[in-house]
């Protein structure tokens, strides 16, 4: 019986290790997953390697969804086949290097970012592709289930699934009768059942 219990425990531990590895692999794949964007209008500018989407923008990559009034996508320039150092047939490695990659996204107006139970809203958003960070500013708020937090800036780390909320340094007046200024602060509401 002891041997059977130990074997079951070992099997459970191995299952958790493999499940954790599968989750890590899925996260890595989501970073390279295609980005699907819909909007009312699109304008592309080759000089700045950017594309501007306007009007009811809806973008999805893996399990992340971003909605806004306007989204500007900045990407790396693709290397043209004539500029390759090696004039031989492109290999899968050189073909991958020659593709365009998203560097960052800038969204403005009614920004809403969702991932699972996490929801972030703001007037402005910056997404940094290499760092896999969503940075919300200007009336930034985030919800996890029924709980809400707000601050001057919210940074959501996609790979870690965590948020950082920053109060900021701008001052606000604390009412008409009191002329003292207070630094802005982080606010959180936790609903309890």
C-alpha atoms as a PDB file:
ATOM      1  CA  UNK A   1       0.000   0.000   0.000  1.00  0.00           C
ATOM      2  CA  UNK A   2       2.893   2.397   0.779  1.00  0.00           C
ATOM      3  CA  UNK A   3       4.423   1.765  -2.650  1.00  0.00           C
ATOM      4  CA  UNK A   4       1.083   2.461  -4.365  1.00  0.00           C
ATOM      5  CA  UNK A   5       0.655   5.716  -2.379  1.00  0.00           C
ATOM      6  CA  UNK A   6       4.187   6.854  -3.239  1.00  0.00           C
ATOM      7  CA  UNK A   7       3.640   6.024  -6.903  1.00  0.00           C
ATOM      8  CA  UNK A   8       0.375   8.022  -6.900  1.00  0.00           C
ATOM      9  CA  UNK A   9       2.123  10.974  -5.232  1.00  0.00           C
ATOM     10  CA  UNK A  10       4.980  10.835  -7.753  1.00  0.00           C
ATOM     11  CA  UNK A  11       2.509  10.604 -10.636  1.00  0.00           C
ATOM     12  CA  UNK A  12       0.594  13.626  -9.262  1.00  0.00           C
ATOM     13  CA  UNK A  13       3.798  15.689  -8.974  1.00  0.00           C
ATOM     14  CA  UNK A  14       4.874  14.769 -12.507  1.00  0.00           C
ATOM     15  CA  UNK A  15       1.420  15.679 -13.824  1.00  0.00           C
ATOM     16  CA  UNK A  16       1.665  19.116 -12.204  1.00  0.00           C
ATOM     17  CA  UNK A  17       5.162  19.663 -13.655  1.00  0.00           C
ATOM     18  CA  UNK A  18       3.992  18.729 -17.160  1.00  0.00           C
ATOM     19  CA  UNK A  19       0.822  20.803 -16.805  1.00  0.00           C
ATOM     20  CA  UNK A  20       2.924  23.819 -15.724  1.00  0.00           C
ATOM     21  CA  UNK A  21       5.207  23.288 -18.724  1.00  0.00           C
ATOM     22  CA  UNK A  22       2.213  23.102 -21.051  1.00  0.00           C
ATOM     23  CA  UNK A  23       0.896  26.393 -19.647  1.00  0.00           C
ATOM     24  CA  UNK A  24       4.339  28.020 -20.179  1.00  0.00           C
ATOM     25  CA  UNK A  25       4.399  26.729 -23.753  1.00  0.00           C
ATOM     26  CA  UNK A  26       0.863  28.054 -24.392  1.00  0.00           C
ATOM     27  CA  UNK A  27       1.892  31.490 -23.024  1.00  0.00           C
ATOM     28  CA  UNK A  28       4.941  31.543 -25.293  1.00  0.00           C
ATOM     29  CA  UNK A  29       2.787  30.595 -28.272  1.00  0.00           C
ATOM     30  CA  UNK A  30       0.260  33.318 -27.440  1.00  0.00           C
ATOM     31  CA  UNK A  31       3.042  35.933 -27.681  1.00  0.00           C
ATOM     32  CA  UNK A  32       3.631  34.911 -31.321  1.00  0.00           C
ATOM     33  CA  UNK A  33      -0.039  34.332 -32.131  1.00  0.00           C
ATOM     34  CA  UNK A  34      -1.459  36.423 -34.964  1.00  0.00           C
ATOM     35  CA  UNK A  35      -3.196  39.670 -34.068  1.00  0.00           C
ATOM     36  CA  UNK A  36      -6.652  40.066 -35.635  1.00  0.00           C
ATOM     37  CA  UNK A  37      -7.868  43.680 -35.883  1.00  0.00           C
ATOM     38  CA  UNK A  38     -11.214  45.023 -37.097  1.00  0.00           C
ATOM     39  CA  UNK A  39     -12.139  48.696 -37.419  1.00  0.00           C
ATOM     40  CA  UNK A  40     -14.167  51.126 -39.512  1.00  0.00           C
ATOM     41  CA  UNK A  41     -11.088  52.577 -41.215  1.00  0.00           C
ATOM     42  CA  UNK A  42      -7.387  51.828 -41.667  1.00  0.00           C
ATOM     43  CA  UNK A  43      -4.472  54.017 -42.837  1.00  0.00           C
ATOM     44  CA  UNK A  44      -0.981  52.621 -43.441  1.00  0.00           C
ATOM     45  CA  UNK A  45       2.195  54.741 -43.454  1.00  0.00           C
ATOM     46  CA  UNK A  46       5.333  52.984 -44.711  1.00  0.00           C
ATOM     47  CA  UNK A  47       7.744  55.772 -43.665  1.00  0.00           C
ATOM     48  CA  UNK A  48       6.871  55.380 -39.997  1.00  0.00           C
ATOM     49  CA  UNK A  49       6.143  51.625 -40.218  1.00  0.00           C
ATOM     50  CA  UNK A  50       2.729  52.165 -38.703  1.00  0.00           C
ATOM     51  CA  UNK A  51      -0.917  51.416 -39.318  1.00  0.00           C
ATOM     52  CA  UNK A  52      -3.709  53.498 -37.777  1.00  0.00           C
ATOM     53  CA  UNK A  53      -7.098  51.880 -37.158  1.00  0.00           C
ATOM     54  CA  UNK A  54     -10.027  54.171 -36.307  1.00  0.00           C
ATOM     55  CA  UNK A  55     -13.651  53.667 -35.375  1.00  0.00           C
ATOM     56  CA  UNK A  56     -14.830  50.837 -33.147  1.00  0.00           C
ATOM     57  CA  UNK A  57     -11.434  49.083 -33.087  1.00  0.00           C
ATOM     58  CA  UNK A  58     -11.494  45.476 -31.880  1.00  0.00           C
ATOM     59  CA  UNK A  59      -8.188  43.554 -31.682  1.00  0.00           C
ATOM     60  CA  UNK A  60      -7.566  39.995 -30.477  1.00  0.00           C
ATOM     61  CA  UNK A  61      -4.385  38.022 -29.856  1.00  0.00           C
ATOM     62  CA  UNK A  62      -4.728  34.696 -28.128  1.00  0.00           C
ATOM     63  CA  UNK A  63      -6.831  35.295 -25.012  1.00  0.00           C
ATOM     64  CA  UNK A  64      -6.242  39.088 -24.965  1.00  0.00           C
ATOM     65  CA  UNK A  65      -8.836  41.461 -26.432  1.00  0.00           C
ATOM     66  CA  UNK A  66      -8.355  45.217 -26.866  1.00  0.00           C
ATOM     67  CA  UNK A  67     -11.098  47.650 -27.847  1.00  0.00           C
ATOM     68  CA  UNK A  68     -10.679  51.391 -28.429  1.00  0.00           C
ATOM     69  CA  UNK A  69     -11.673  54.337 -30.603  1.00  0.00           C
ATOM     70  CA  UNK A  70      -8.238  54.457 -32.263  1.00  0.00           C
ATOM     71  CA  UNK A  71      -5.257  52.098 -32.392  1.00  0.00           C
ATOM     72  CA  UNK A  72      -1.843  52.755 -33.917  1.00  0.00           C
ATOM     73  CA  UNK A  73       0.282  49.677 -34.587  1.00  0.00           C
ATOM     74  CA  UNK A  74       4.041  50.218 -34.934  1.00  0.00           C
ATOM     75  CA  UNK A  75       6.004  47.387 -36.509  1.00  0.00           C
ATOM     76  CA  UNK A  76       9.541  46.546 -37.586  1.00  0.00           C
ATOM     77  CA  UNK A  77      10.336  46.956 -41.264  1.00  0.00           C
ATOM     78  CA  UNK A  78      10.462  43.716 -43.217  1.00  0.00           C
ATOM     79  CA  UNK A  79      13.785  42.924 -44.806  1.00  0.00           C
ATOM     80  CA  UNK A  80      13.297  42.656 -48.552  1.00  0.00           C
ATOM     81  CA  UNK A  81      14.611  39.495 -50.266  1.00  0.00           C
ATOM     82  CA  UNK A  82      17.012  41.598 -52.407  1.00  0.00           C
ATOM     83  CA  UNK A  83      18.716  43.000 -49.306  1.00  0.00           C
ATOM     84  CA  UNK A  84      19.581  39.629 -47.812  1.00  0.00           C
ATOM     85  CA  UNK A  85      23.306  39.142 -47.273  1.00  0.00           C
ATOM     86  CA  UNK A  86      23.176  35.587 -48.512  1.00  0.00           C
ATOM     87  CA  UNK A  87      21.652  35.431 -52.015  1.00  0.00           C
ATOM     88  CA  UNK A  88      20.921  31.707 -51.619  1.00  0.00           C
ATOM     89  CA  UNK A  89      17.453  30.350 -51.174  1.00  0.00           C
ATOM     90  CA  UNK A  90      15.951  31.605 -47.897  1.00  0.00           C
ATOM     91  CA  UNK A  91      15.932  29.072 -45.083  1.00  0.00           C
ATOM     92  CA  UNK A  92      13.145  28.896 -42.502  1.00  0.00           C
ATOM     93  CA  UNK A  93      15.378  30.878 -40.109  1.00  0.00           C
ATOM     94  CA  UNK A  94      15.964  33.734 -42.586  1.00  0.00           C
ATOM     95  CA  UNK A  95      12.318  33.732 -43.639  1.00  0.00           C
ATOM     96  CA  UNK A  96      11.272  34.216 -40.027  1.00  0.00           C
ATOM     97  CA  UNK A  97      13.732  37.099 -39.590  1.00  0.00           C
ATOM     98  CA  UNK A  98      12.398  38.778 -42.728  1.00  0.00           C
ATOM     99  CA  UNK A  99       8.831  39.059 -41.395  1.00  0.00           C
ATOM    100  CA  UNK A 100       7.342  42.113 -39.755  1.00  0.00           C
ATOM    101  CA  UNK A 101       6.909  42.108 -35.987  1.00  0.00           C
ATOM    102  CA  UNK A 102       4.689  44.358 -33.897  1.00  0.00           C
ATOM    103  CA  UNK A 103       6.802  46.599 -31.648  1.00  0.00           C
ATOM    104  CA  UNK A 104       4.043  48.478 -29.843  1.00  0.00           C
ATOM    105  CA  UNK A 105       0.397  49.488 -29.927  1.00  0.00           C
ATOM    106  CA  UNK A 106      -0.965  52.855 -28.850  1.00  0.00           C
ATOM    107  CA  UNK A 107      -4.694  53.066 -28.197  1.00  0.00           C
ATOM    108  CA  UNK A 108      -6.776  56.146 -27.377  1.00  0.00           C
ATOM    109  CA  UNK A 109     -10.392  56.707 -26.466  1.00  0.00           C
ATOM    110  CA  UNK A 110     -12.583  54.278 -24.532  1.00  0.00           C
ATOM    111  CA  UNK A 111      -9.802  51.707 -24.135  1.00  0.00           C
ATOM    112  CA  UNK A 112     -10.848  48.318 -22.776  1.00  0.00           C
ATOM    113  CA  UNK A 113      -8.458  45.384 -22.334  1.00  0.00           C
ATOM    114  CA  UNK A 114      -9.681  41.956 -21.260  1.00  0.00           C
ATOM    115  CA  UNK A 115      -7.941  38.715 -20.428  1.00  0.00           C
ATOM    116  CA  UNK A 116      -9.862  36.043 -18.589  1.00  0.00           C
ATOM    117  CA  UNK A 117     -11.427  37.667 -15.519  1.00  0.00           C
ATOM    118  CA  UNK A 118      -9.093  40.690 -15.731  1.00  0.00           C
ATOM    119  CA  UNK A 119     -10.534  43.884 -17.249  1.00  0.00           C
ATOM    120  CA  UNK A 120      -8.651  47.163 -17.620  1.00  0.00           C
ATOM    121  CA  UNK A 121     -10.068  50.470 -18.862  1.00  0.00           C
ATOM    122  CA  UNK A 122      -8.533  53.887 -19.541  1.00  0.00           C
ATOM    123  CA  UNK A 123      -8.480  56.739 -22.022  1.00  0.00           C
ATOM    124  CA  UNK A 124      -4.986  55.729 -23.230  1.00  0.00           C
ATOM    125  CA  UNK A 125      -3.087  52.461 -23.522  1.00  0.00           C
ATOM    126  CA  UNK A 126       0.414  51.468 -24.582  1.00  0.00           C
ATOM    127  CA  UNK A 127       1.249  47.841 -25.351  1.00  0.00           C
ATOM    128  CA  UNK A 128       4.967  46.956 -25.477  1.00  0.00           C
ATOM    129  CA  UNK A 129       5.435  43.744 -27.439  1.00  0.00           C
ATOM    130  CA  UNK A 130       8.914  42.684 -26.263  1.00  0.00           C
ATOM    131  CA  UNK A 131       8.099  43.335 -22.613  1.00  0.00           C
ATOM    132  CA  UNK A 132       4.543  41.961 -23.012  1.00  0.00           C
ATOM    133  CA  UNK A 133       3.176  44.838 -20.921  1.00  0.00           C
ATOM    134  CA  UNK A 134      -0.109  46.707 -21.163  1.00  0.00           C
ATOM    135  CA  UNK A 135       0.180  50.210 -19.680  1.00  0.00           C
ATOM    136  CA  UNK A 136      -3.090  52.037 -18.976  1.00  0.00           C
ATOM    137  CA  UNK A 137      -3.117  55.782 -18.228  1.00  0.00           C
ATOM    138  CA  UNK A 138      -5.628  58.621 -17.905  1.00  0.00           C
ATOM    139  CA  UNK A 139      -8.481  57.388 -15.690  1.00  0.00           C
ATOM    140  CA  UNK A 140      -6.985  53.880 -15.433  1.00  0.00           C
ATOM    141  CA  UNK A 141      -9.097  51.225 -13.717  1.00  0.00           C
ATOM    142  CA  UNK A 142      -8.829  47.455 -13.434  1.00  0.00           C
ATOM    143  CA  UNK A 143     -11.259  44.797 -12.293  1.00  0.00           C
ATOM    144  CA  UNK A 144     -10.563  41.237 -11.191  1.00  0.00           C
ATOM    145  CA  UNK A 145     -13.958  39.634 -10.833  1.00  0.00           C
ATOM    146  CA  UNK A 146     -15.970  42.125  -8.732  1.00  0.00           C
ATOM    147  CA  UNK A 147     -12.932  43.881  -7.201  1.00  0.00           C
ATOM    148  CA  UNK A 148     -11.786  47.206  -8.674  1.00  0.00           C
ATOM    149  CA  UNK A 149      -8.604  49.276  -8.392  1.00  0.00           C
ATOM    150  CA  UNK A 150      -7.807  52.669  -9.936  1.00  0.00           C
ATOM    151  CA  UNK A 151      -4.748  54.879 -10.213  1.00  0.00           C
ATOM    152  CA  UNK A 152      -2.816  57.192 -12.506  1.00  0.00           C
ATOM    153  CA  UNK A 153      -1.136  54.236 -14.215  1.00  0.00           C
ATOM    154  CA  UNK A 154      -1.810  50.511 -14.301  1.00  0.00           C
ATOM    155  CA  UNK A 155       0.795  48.144 -15.735  1.00  0.00           C
ATOM    156  CA  UNK A 156      -0.447  44.663 -16.585  1.00  0.00           C
ATOM    157  CA  UNK A 157       2.295  42.060 -17.096  1.00  0.00           C
ATOM    158  CA  UNK A 158       0.805  39.533 -19.520  1.00  0.00           C
ATOM    159  CA  UNK A 159       3.328  36.727 -18.956  1.00  0.00           C
ATOM    160  CA  UNK A 160       3.061  36.965 -15.177  1.00  0.00           C
ATOM    161  CA  UNK A 161      -0.668  37.687 -14.985  1.00  0.00           C
ATOM    162  CA  UNK A 162      -0.127  40.479 -12.450  1.00  0.00           C
ATOM    163  CA  UNK A 163      -0.914  44.186 -12.224  1.00  0.00           C
ATOM    164  CA  UNK A 164       0.970  47.110 -10.753  1.00  0.00           C
ATOM    165  CA  UNK A 165      -0.987  50.250  -9.882  1.00  0.00           C
ATOM    166  CA  UNK A 166       0.767  53.600  -9.458  1.00  0.00           C
ATOM    167  CA  UNK A 167      -0.859  56.564  -7.705  1.00  0.00           C
ATOM    168  CA  UNK A 168       1.216  59.296  -9.335  1.00  0.00           C
ATOM    169  CA  UNK A 169       2.737  62.606  -8.384  1.00  0.00           C
ATOM    170  CA  UNK A 170       0.151  65.085  -9.634  1.00  0.00           C
ATOM    171  CA  UNK A 171      -1.636  66.972  -6.880  1.00  0.00           C
ATOM    172  CA  UNK A 172      -5.374  67.318  -6.351  1.00  0.00           C
ATOM    173  CA  UNK A 173      -7.219  69.753  -4.101  1.00  0.00           C
ATOM    174  CA  UNK A 174      -9.079  68.224  -1.203  1.00  0.00           C
ATOM    175  CA  UNK A 175     -12.188  70.449  -1.364  1.00  0.00           C
ATOM    176  CA  UNK A 176     -13.110  74.116  -1.483  1.00  0.00           C
ATOM    177  CA  UNK A 177     -12.533  74.924   2.187  1.00  0.00           C
ATOM    178  CA  UNK A 178      -9.189  73.088   2.360  1.00  0.00           C
ATOM    179  CA  UNK A 179      -6.569  74.495  -0.008  1.00  0.00           C
ATOM    180  CA  UNK A 180      -3.944  71.854   0.870  1.00  0.00           C
ATOM    181  CA  UNK A 181      -2.883  69.593  -1.972  1.00  0.00           C
ATOM    182  CA  UNK A 182      -2.698  65.832  -1.663  1.00  0.00           C
ATOM    183  CA  UNK A 183      -0.804  63.509  -3.981  1.00  0.00           C
ATOM    184  CA  UNK A 184      -3.057  61.265  -6.037  1.00  0.00           C
ATOM    185  CA  UNK A 185      -3.479  57.813  -4.574  1.00  0.00           C
ATOM    186  CA  UNK A 186      -4.359  54.282  -5.566  1.00  0.00           C
ATOM    187  CA  UNK A 187      -7.959  53.338  -4.790  1.00  0.00           C
ATOM    188  CA  UNK A 188      -9.268  49.796  -4.393  1.00  0.00           C
ATOM    189  CA  UNK A 189     -12.705  48.395  -3.724  1.00  0.00           C
ATOM    190  CA  UNK A 190     -13.011  44.803  -2.502  1.00  0.00           C
ATOM    191  CA  UNK A 191     -16.501  43.373  -2.458  1.00  0.00           C
ATOM    192  CA  UNK A 192     -17.066  40.604   0.076  1.00  0.00           C
ATOM    193  CA  UNK A 193     -19.824  38.053  -0.030  1.00  0.00           C
END
